[in-house]
């Protein structure tokens, strides 16, 4: 798997590079892979600006969930720097008021020292499809969250609450694009991905069977195959 342009990967809420572990192993042999940091600001525009400040001059860009939201903002801020775009299990719309409000008790609980409880009981059980690796993936997700800690959770939650709608930015995308989702993703359902695919003429929509919100870990080989095709286009 060889290519000229570097690959920038943006992980999701409370995830680190292990979210893309199988993909980094697959593609890191043939190209530079840069893992973006989205832990240090509390707005999506500021997070995107920080990623751009640390990224190569031009790059292929892939983001999952919150990482996809930041990737869309990068397309709004600096589309000329992105050679191709991949959006996984994400949402182009601004946060709905009821979802923004629901983050407040989660933030309060995390401030009170209950980060693991919030991640385990309120968020992660709905992330994953049924399957033999579900418990293993859930344990990894909880470990990523614990390592990042409560302050990152609060900053990222604030960023999601105020995120901009990106549909206009997607309409302007002309680079080869991959829209990918797990078929059992309950957080970012299929119709959101169909919308993104409709907005980007140069896109391909792939639905990964037996995967939920984290197909990079649930069905890594299927994601690697889809990304290899995207990177070759």
C-alpha atoms as a PDB file:
ATOM      1  CA  UNK A   1       0.000   0.000   0.000  1.00  0.00           C
ATOM      2  CA  UNK A   2       2.125   2.838  -1.257  1.00  0.00           C
ATOM      3  CA  UNK A   3       1.176   6.422  -1.850  1.00  0.00           C
ATOM      4  CA  UNK A   4       2.651   9.858  -2.068  1.00  0.00           C
ATOM      5  CA  UNK A   5       0.406  11.964   0.119  1.00  0.00           C
ATOM      6  CA  UNK A   6       0.499  11.664   3.910  1.00  0.00           C
ATOM      7  CA  UNK A   7      -2.602  10.388   5.675  1.00  0.00           C
ATOM      8  CA  UNK A   8      -4.041  12.441   8.554  1.00  0.00           C
ATOM      9  CA  UNK A   9      -6.355  10.520  10.911  1.00  0.00           C
ATOM     10  CA  UNK A  10      -8.651  12.273  13.408  1.00  0.00           C
ATOM     11  CA  UNK A  11     -10.032  10.099  16.234  1.00  0.00           C
ATOM     12  CA  UNK A  12     -13.450  10.453  17.822  1.00  0.00           C
ATOM     13  CA  UNK A  13     -14.648  11.614  21.232  1.00  0.00           C
ATOM     14  CA  UNK A  14     -12.356  10.373  24.019  1.00  0.00           C
ATOM     15  CA  UNK A  15     -10.376   8.183  21.646  1.00  0.00           C
ATOM     16  CA  UNK A  16      -6.662   8.138  20.871  1.00  0.00           C
ATOM     17  CA  UNK A  17      -4.681   6.578  18.050  1.00  0.00           C
ATOM     18  CA  UNK A  18      -5.696   3.068  19.067  1.00  0.00           C
ATOM     19  CA  UNK A  19      -9.057   3.759  17.435  1.00  0.00           C
ATOM     20  CA  UNK A  20      -7.182   3.471  14.107  1.00  0.00           C
ATOM     21  CA  UNK A  21      -4.642   0.874  15.255  1.00  0.00           C
ATOM     22  CA  UNK A  22      -5.308  -1.693  12.497  1.00  0.00           C
ATOM     23  CA  UNK A  23      -5.443   1.004   9.817  1.00  0.00           C
ATOM     24  CA  UNK A  24      -2.211   2.656  11.003  1.00  0.00           C
ATOM     25  CA  UNK A  25      -0.496  -0.734  10.808  1.00  0.00           C
ATOM     26  CA  UNK A  26      -1.843  -1.357   7.304  1.00  0.00           C
ATOM     27  CA  UNK A  27      -1.116   2.024   5.750  1.00  0.00           C
ATOM     28  CA  UNK A  28       1.906   3.110   7.771  1.00  0.00           C
ATOM     29  CA  UNK A  29       4.140   0.776   5.770  1.00  0.00           C
ATOM     30  CA  UNK A  30       3.729   2.762   2.584  1.00  0.00           C
ATOM     31  CA  UNK A  31       3.007   6.362   3.559  1.00  0.00           C
ATOM     32  CA  UNK A  32       3.429   8.844   6.373  1.00  0.00           C
ATOM     33  CA  UNK A  33       0.519   8.621   8.836  1.00  0.00           C
ATOM     34  CA  UNK A  34      -0.153  11.611  11.095  1.00  0.00           C
ATOM     35  CA  UNK A  35      -2.480  11.247  14.084  1.00  0.00           C
ATOM     36  CA  UNK A  36      -4.272  14.521  14.795  1.00  0.00           C
ATOM     37  CA  UNK A  37      -4.705  15.860  18.330  1.00  0.00           C
ATOM     38  CA  UNK A  38      -8.188  17.180  19.141  1.00  0.00           C
ATOM     39  CA  UNK A  39      -7.863  17.426  22.909  1.00  0.00           C
ATOM     40  CA  UNK A  40      -6.708  20.999  23.497  1.00  0.00           C
ATOM     41  CA  UNK A  41      -9.557  23.337  22.503  1.00  0.00           C
ATOM     42  CA  UNK A  42     -13.283  23.597  23.189  1.00  0.00           C
ATOM     43  CA  UNK A  43     -14.625  24.663  19.782  1.00  0.00           C
ATOM     44  CA  UNK A  44     -14.603  22.744  16.511  1.00  0.00           C
ATOM     45  CA  UNK A  45     -13.118  25.674  14.522  1.00  0.00           C
ATOM     46  CA  UNK A  46     -10.229  25.963  16.986  1.00  0.00           C
ATOM     47  CA  UNK A  47      -9.624  22.209  16.922  1.00  0.00           C
ATOM     48  CA  UNK A  48      -9.536  22.240  13.116  1.00  0.00           C
ATOM     49  CA  UNK A  49      -7.115  25.168  13.121  1.00  0.00           C
ATOM     50  CA  UNK A  50      -4.812  23.274  15.491  1.00  0.00           C
ATOM     51  CA  UNK A  51      -4.893  20.163  13.305  1.00  0.00           C
ATOM     52  CA  UNK A  52      -4.057  22.272  10.262  1.00  0.00           C
ATOM     53  CA  UNK A  53      -1.170  23.961  12.073  1.00  0.00           C
ATOM     54  CA  UNK A  54       0.431  20.572  12.777  1.00  0.00           C
ATOM     55  CA  UNK A  55      -0.481  18.702   9.584  1.00  0.00           C
ATOM     56  CA  UNK A  56       1.596  18.304   6.412  1.00  0.00           C
ATOM     57  CA  UNK A  57       1.146  20.862   3.644  1.00  0.00           C
ATOM     58  CA  UNK A  58      -1.207  18.577   1.695  1.00  0.00           C
ATOM     59  CA  UNK A  59      -2.711  15.328   2.887  1.00  0.00           C
ATOM     60  CA  UNK A  60      -5.452  12.721   2.657  1.00  0.00           C
ATOM     61  CA  UNK A  61      -7.859  13.230   5.555  1.00  0.00           C
ATOM     62  CA  UNK A  62      -9.982  10.716   7.477  1.00  0.00           C
ATOM     63  CA  UNK A  63     -12.013  11.264  10.633  1.00  0.00           C
ATOM     64  CA  UNK A  64     -14.417   9.155  12.691  1.00  0.00           C
ATOM     65  CA  UNK A  65     -17.372  10.560  14.652  1.00  0.00           C
ATOM     66  CA  UNK A  66     -16.116  13.771  16.306  1.00  0.00           C
ATOM     67  CA  UNK A  67     -13.021  13.361  14.159  1.00  0.00           C
ATOM     68  CA  UNK A  68     -15.256  13.506  11.097  1.00  0.00           C
ATOM     69  CA  UNK A  69     -16.858  16.687  12.430  1.00  0.00           C
ATOM     70  CA  UNK A  70     -13.407  18.283  12.751  1.00  0.00           C
ATOM     71  CA  UNK A  71     -12.481  16.972   9.291  1.00  0.00           C
ATOM     72  CA  UNK A  72     -15.518  18.716   7.799  1.00  0.00           C
ATOM     73  CA  UNK A  73     -14.437  21.965   9.461  1.00  0.00           C
ATOM     74  CA  UNK A  74     -10.977  21.504   7.940  1.00  0.00           C
ATOM     75  CA  UNK A  75     -12.695  21.323   4.540  1.00  0.00           C
ATOM     76  CA  UNK A  76     -14.418  24.609   5.382  1.00  0.00           C
ATOM     77  CA  UNK A  77     -11.184  26.289   6.491  1.00  0.00           C
ATOM     78  CA  UNK A  78      -8.556  24.913   4.094  1.00  0.00           C
ATOM     79  CA  UNK A  79     -10.018  22.756   1.311  1.00  0.00           C
ATOM     80  CA  UNK A  80      -6.971  23.300  -0.894  1.00  0.00           C
ATOM     81  CA  UNK A  81      -4.788  21.339   1.520  1.00  0.00           C
ATOM     82  CA  UNK A  82      -6.864  18.126   1.402  1.00  0.00           C
ATOM     83  CA  UNK A  83      -6.270  15.693  -1.470  1.00  0.00           C
ATOM     84  CA  UNK A  84      -9.057  13.262  -0.514  1.00  0.00           C
ATOM     85  CA  UNK A  85     -11.608  12.993   2.287  1.00  0.00           C
ATOM     86  CA  UNK A  86     -13.001  10.074   4.330  1.00  0.00           C
ATOM     87  CA  UNK A  87     -15.834  10.532   6.842  1.00  0.00           C
ATOM     88  CA  UNK A  88     -16.717   7.628   9.148  1.00  0.00           C
ATOM     89  CA  UNK A  89     -19.775   7.346  11.415  1.00  0.00           C
ATOM     90  CA  UNK A  90     -20.315  11.080  11.735  1.00  0.00           C
ATOM     91  CA  UNK A  91     -22.888  13.844  11.326  1.00  0.00           C
ATOM     92  CA  UNK A  92     -22.730  16.984   9.150  1.00  0.00           C
ATOM     93  CA  UNK A  93     -25.431  18.838  11.071  1.00  0.00           C
ATOM     94  CA  UNK A  94     -25.117  21.197  14.013  1.00  0.00           C
ATOM     95  CA  UNK A  95     -25.895  19.732  17.412  1.00  0.00           C
ATOM     96  CA  UNK A  96     -29.613  19.501  18.147  1.00  0.00           C
ATOM     97  CA  UNK A  97     -30.623  21.578  21.201  1.00  0.00           C
ATOM     98  CA  UNK A  98     -31.871  18.538  23.106  1.00  0.00           C
ATOM     99  CA  UNK A  99     -28.573  16.697  22.559  1.00  0.00           C
ATOM    100  CA  UNK A 100     -26.596  19.754  23.635  1.00  0.00           C
ATOM    101  CA  UNK A 101     -28.703  19.971  26.792  1.00  0.00           C
ATOM    102  CA  UNK A 102     -28.224  16.270  27.518  1.00  0.00           C
ATOM    103  CA  UNK A 103     -24.464  16.796  27.653  1.00  0.00           C
ATOM    104  CA  UNK A 104     -24.768  19.021  30.726  1.00  0.00           C
ATOM    105  CA  UNK A 105     -25.519  16.231  33.254  1.00  0.00           C
ATOM    106  CA  UNK A 106     -22.732  14.172  31.676  1.00  0.00           C
ATOM    107  CA  UNK A 107     -20.294  17.066  32.116  1.00  0.00           C
ATOM    108  CA  UNK A 108     -21.444  17.511  35.730  1.00  0.00           C
ATOM    109  CA  UNK A 109     -20.938  13.809  36.440  1.00  0.00           C
ATOM    110  CA  UNK A 110     -17.451  13.871  34.908  1.00  0.00           C
ATOM    111  CA  UNK A 111     -16.545  16.936  36.986  1.00  0.00           C
ATOM    112  CA  UNK A 112     -17.625  14.909  40.033  1.00  0.00           C
ATOM    113  CA  UNK A 113     -15.173  12.134  39.167  1.00  0.00           C
ATOM    114  CA  UNK A 114     -17.487   9.732  37.343  1.00  0.00           C
ATOM    115  CA  UNK A 115     -15.888   9.695  33.875  1.00  0.00           C
ATOM    116  CA  UNK A 116     -15.770   5.900  33.578  1.00  0.00           C
ATOM    117  CA  UNK A 117     -19.382   5.634  34.710  1.00  0.00           C
ATOM    118  CA  UNK A 118     -20.506   8.162  32.088  1.00  0.00           C
ATOM    119  CA  UNK A 119     -18.584   6.439  29.324  1.00  0.00           C
ATOM    120  CA  UNK A 120     -19.684   2.940  30.293  1.00  0.00           C
ATOM    121  CA  UNK A 121     -23.303   3.497  31.256  1.00  0.00           C
ATOM    122  CA  UNK A 122     -24.487   6.394  29.092  1.00  0.00           C
ATOM    123  CA  UNK A 123     -22.436   6.305  25.909  1.00  0.00           C
ATOM    124  CA  UNK A 124     -20.456   3.229  24.944  1.00  0.00           C
ATOM    125  CA  UNK A 125     -23.072   0.453  25.285  1.00  0.00           C
ATOM    126  CA  UNK A 126     -24.890   1.890  22.266  1.00  0.00           C
ATOM    127  CA  UNK A 127     -21.709   2.321  20.230  1.00  0.00           C
ATOM    128  CA  UNK A 128     -21.041  -1.275  19.252  1.00  0.00           C
ATOM    129  CA  UNK A 129     -22.769  -4.003  17.282  1.00  0.00           C
ATOM    130  CA  UNK A 130     -23.304  -7.409  18.909  1.00  0.00           C
ATOM    131  CA  UNK A 131     -20.442  -9.785  18.322  1.00  0.00           C
ATOM    132  CA  UNK A 132     -17.610 -11.783  19.904  1.00  0.00           C
ATOM    133  CA  UNK A 133     -15.211  -8.790  20.052  1.00  0.00           C
ATOM    134  CA  UNK A 134     -17.709  -6.379  21.616  1.00  0.00           C
ATOM    135  CA  UNK A 135     -16.381  -6.656  25.186  1.00  0.00           C
ATOM    136  CA  UNK A 136     -12.770  -6.365  24.005  1.00  0.00           C
ATOM    137  CA  UNK A 137     -13.504  -3.228  21.999  1.00  0.00           C
ATOM    138  CA  UNK A 138     -15.501  -1.701  24.844  1.00  0.00           C
ATOM    139  CA  UNK A 139     -12.607  -2.272  27.253  1.00  0.00           C
ATOM    140  CA  UNK A 140     -10.251  -0.541  24.831  1.00  0.00           C
ATOM    141  CA  UNK A 141     -12.602   2.420  24.443  1.00  0.00           C
ATOM    142  CA  UNK A 142     -12.871   2.815  28.219  1.00  0.00           C
ATOM    143  CA  UNK A 143      -9.088   2.670  28.562  1.00  0.00           C
ATOM    144  CA  UNK A 144      -8.680   5.389  25.920  1.00  0.00           C
ATOM    145  CA  UNK A 145     -11.159   7.572  27.799  1.00  0.00           C
ATOM    146  CA  UNK A 146      -9.433   7.059  31.150  1.00  0.00           C
ATOM    147  CA  UNK A 147      -6.069   7.979  29.665  1.00  0.00           C
ATOM    148  CA  UNK A 148      -7.401  11.205  28.159  1.00  0.00           C
ATOM    149  CA  UNK A 149      -9.169  12.194  31.368  1.00  0.00           C
ATOM    150  CA  UNK A 150     -12.034  14.452  32.486  1.00  0.00           C
ATOM    151  CA  UNK A 151     -10.750  17.788  31.196  1.00  0.00           C
ATOM    152  CA  UNK A 152     -10.568  16.457  27.634  1.00  0.00           C
ATOM    153  CA  UNK A 153     -14.101  15.077  27.967  1.00  0.00           C
ATOM    154  CA  UNK A 154     -15.373  18.500  29.012  1.00  0.00           C
ATOM    155  CA  UNK A 155     -13.535  20.377  26.242  1.00  0.00           C
ATOM    156  CA  UNK A 156     -14.673  17.931  23.567  1.00  0.00           C
ATOM    157  CA  UNK A 157     -18.270  17.987  24.837  1.00  0.00           C
ATOM    158  CA  UNK A 158     -18.301  21.795  24.685  1.00  0.00           C
ATOM    159  CA  UNK A 159     -16.944  21.675  21.144  1.00  0.00           C
ATOM    160  CA  UNK A 160     -19.698  19.301  20.062  1.00  0.00           C
ATOM    161  CA  UNK A 161     -22.395  21.445  21.663  1.00  0.00           C
ATOM    162  CA  UNK A 162     -21.450  24.472  19.539  1.00  0.00           C
ATOM    163  CA  UNK A 163     -20.343  22.753  16.339  1.00  0.00           C
ATOM    164  CA  UNK A 164     -21.356  24.404  13.059  1.00  0.00           C
ATOM    165  CA  UNK A 165     -23.501  22.851  10.357  1.00  0.00           C
ATOM    166  CA  UNK A 166     -21.197  21.642   7.568  1.00  0.00           C
ATOM    167  CA  UNK A 167     -23.600  20.920   4.727  1.00  0.00           C
ATOM    168  CA  UNK A 168     -22.455  23.946   2.717  1.00  0.00           C
ATOM    169  CA  UNK A 169     -18.817  22.924   3.133  1.00  0.00           C
ATOM    170  CA  UNK A 170     -19.588  19.415   1.889  1.00  0.00           C
ATOM    171  CA  UNK A 171     -21.346  20.744  -1.209  1.00  0.00           C
ATOM    172  CA  UNK A 172     -18.012  22.320  -2.237  1.00  0.00           C
ATOM    173  CA  UNK A 173     -15.940  19.134  -1.845  1.00  0.00           C
ATOM    174  CA  UNK A 174     -14.515  17.946  -5.171  1.00  0.00           C
ATOM    175  CA  UNK A 175     -11.786  15.518  -4.043  1.00  0.00           C
ATOM    176  CA  UNK A 176     -12.298  11.725  -3.993  1.00  0.00           C
ATOM    177  CA  UNK A 177     -14.364  11.027  -0.886  1.00  0.00           C
ATOM    178  CA  UNK A 178     -15.345   7.973   1.138  1.00  0.00           C
ATOM    179  CA  UNK A 179     -18.446   7.990   3.344  1.00  0.00           C
ATOM    180  CA  UNK A 180     -18.424   4.912   5.581  1.00  0.00           C
ATOM    181  CA  UNK A 181     -20.631   3.722   8.435  1.00  0.00           C
ATOM    182  CA  UNK A 182     -21.322   0.607  10.431  1.00  0.00           C
ATOM    183  CA  UNK A 183     -24.734  -0.787   9.527  1.00  0.00           C
ATOM    184  CA  UNK A 184     -25.693  -0.932  13.234  1.00  0.00           C
ATOM    185  CA  UNK A 185     -24.504   2.583  14.157  1.00  0.00           C
ATOM    186  CA  UNK A 186     -27.245   3.917  16.446  1.00  0.00           C
ATOM    187  CA  UNK A 187     -25.523   7.238  17.149  1.00  0.00           C
ATOM    188  CA  UNK A 188     -24.973   8.382  13.560  1.00  0.00           C
ATOM    189  CA  UNK A 189     -27.591   6.515  11.510  1.00  0.00           C
ATOM    190  CA  UNK A 190     -27.401   5.604   7.850  1.00  0.00           C
ATOM    191  CA  UNK A 191     -29.551   8.487   6.636  1.00  0.00           C
ATOM    192  CA  UNK A 192     -26.918  10.971   7.845  1.00  0.00           C
ATOM    193  CA  UNK A 193     -24.352   9.222   5.662  1.00  0.00           C
ATOM    194  CA  UNK A 194     -26.693   9.114   2.698  1.00  0.00           C
ATOM    195  CA  UNK A 195     -27.075  12.876   3.127  1.00  0.00           C
ATOM    196  CA  UNK A 196     -23.303  13.380   3.103  1.00  0.00           C
ATOM    197  CA  UNK A 197     -22.942  11.162   0.040  1.00  0.00           C
ATOM    198  CA  UNK A 198     -25.620  13.196  -1.738  1.00  0.00           C
ATOM    199  CA  UNK A 199     -23.855  16.452  -0.843  1.00  0.00           C
ATOM    200  CA  UNK A 200     -20.459  15.303  -2.204  1.00  0.00           C
ATOM    201  CA  UNK A 201     -20.637  14.323  -5.881  1.00  0.00           C
ATOM    202  CA  UNK A 202     -17.189  12.671  -5.819  1.00  0.00           C
ATOM    203  CA  UNK A 203     -18.078  10.327  -2.968  1.00  0.00           C
ATOM    204  CA  UNK A 204     -18.642   6.627  -2.465  1.00  0.00           C
ATOM    205  CA  UNK A 205     -20.879   5.338   0.341  1.00  0.00           C
ATOM    206  CA  UNK A 206     -19.949   2.072   2.072  1.00  0.00           C
ATOM    207  CA  UNK A 207     -22.000   0.402   4.827  1.00  0.00           C
ATOM    208  CA  UNK A 208     -19.978  -2.085   6.896  1.00  0.00           C
ATOM    209  CA  UNK A 209     -21.946  -5.152   8.062  1.00  0.00           C
ATOM    210  CA  UNK A 210     -21.760  -6.331  11.688  1.00  0.00           C
ATOM    211  CA  UNK A 211     -20.348  -2.983  12.881  1.00  0.00           C
ATOM    212  CA  UNK A 212     -21.722  -0.165  14.982  1.00  0.00           C
ATOM    213  CA  UNK A 213     -20.206   3.254  15.654  1.00  0.00           C
ATOM    214  CA  UNK A 214     -16.568   2.080  15.651  1.00  0.00           C
ATOM    215  CA  UNK A 215     -16.050  -0.036  12.518  1.00  0.00           C
ATOM    216  CA  UNK A 216     -12.293   0.666  12.524  1.00  0.00           C
ATOM    217  CA  UNK A 217     -12.114  -1.663  15.546  1.00  0.00           C
ATOM    218  CA  UNK A 218     -15.206  -3.828  15.062  1.00  0.00           C
ATOM    219  CA  UNK A 219     -14.515  -4.761  11.422  1.00  0.00           C
ATOM    220  CA  UNK A 220     -10.990  -3.463  10.762  1.00  0.00           C
ATOM    221  CA  UNK A 221     -10.327  -5.444   7.596  1.00  0.00           C
ATOM    222  CA  UNK A 222     -13.453  -4.115   5.880  1.00  0.00           C
ATOM    223  CA  UNK A 223     -12.392  -0.556   6.716  1.00  0.00           C
ATOM    224  CA  UNK A 224      -8.852  -1.191   5.478  1.00  0.00           C
ATOM    225  CA  UNK A 225     -10.218  -2.510   2.169  1.00  0.00           C
ATOM    226  CA  UNK A 226     -12.480   0.527   1.756  1.00  0.00           C
ATOM    227  CA  UNK A 227      -9.648   2.929   2.582  1.00  0.00           C
ATOM    228  CA  UNK A 228      -7.236   1.187   0.209  1.00  0.00           C
ATOM    229  CA  UNK A 229      -9.703   1.662  -2.627  1.00  0.00           C
ATOM    230  CA  UNK A 230     -10.230   5.324  -1.613  1.00  0.00           C
ATOM    231  CA  UNK A 231      -6.501   6.020  -1.451  1.00  0.00           C
ATOM    232  CA  UNK A 232      -6.016   4.498  -4.911  1.00  0.00           C
ATOM    233  CA  UNK A 233      -8.682   6.615  -6.594  1.00  0.00           C
END
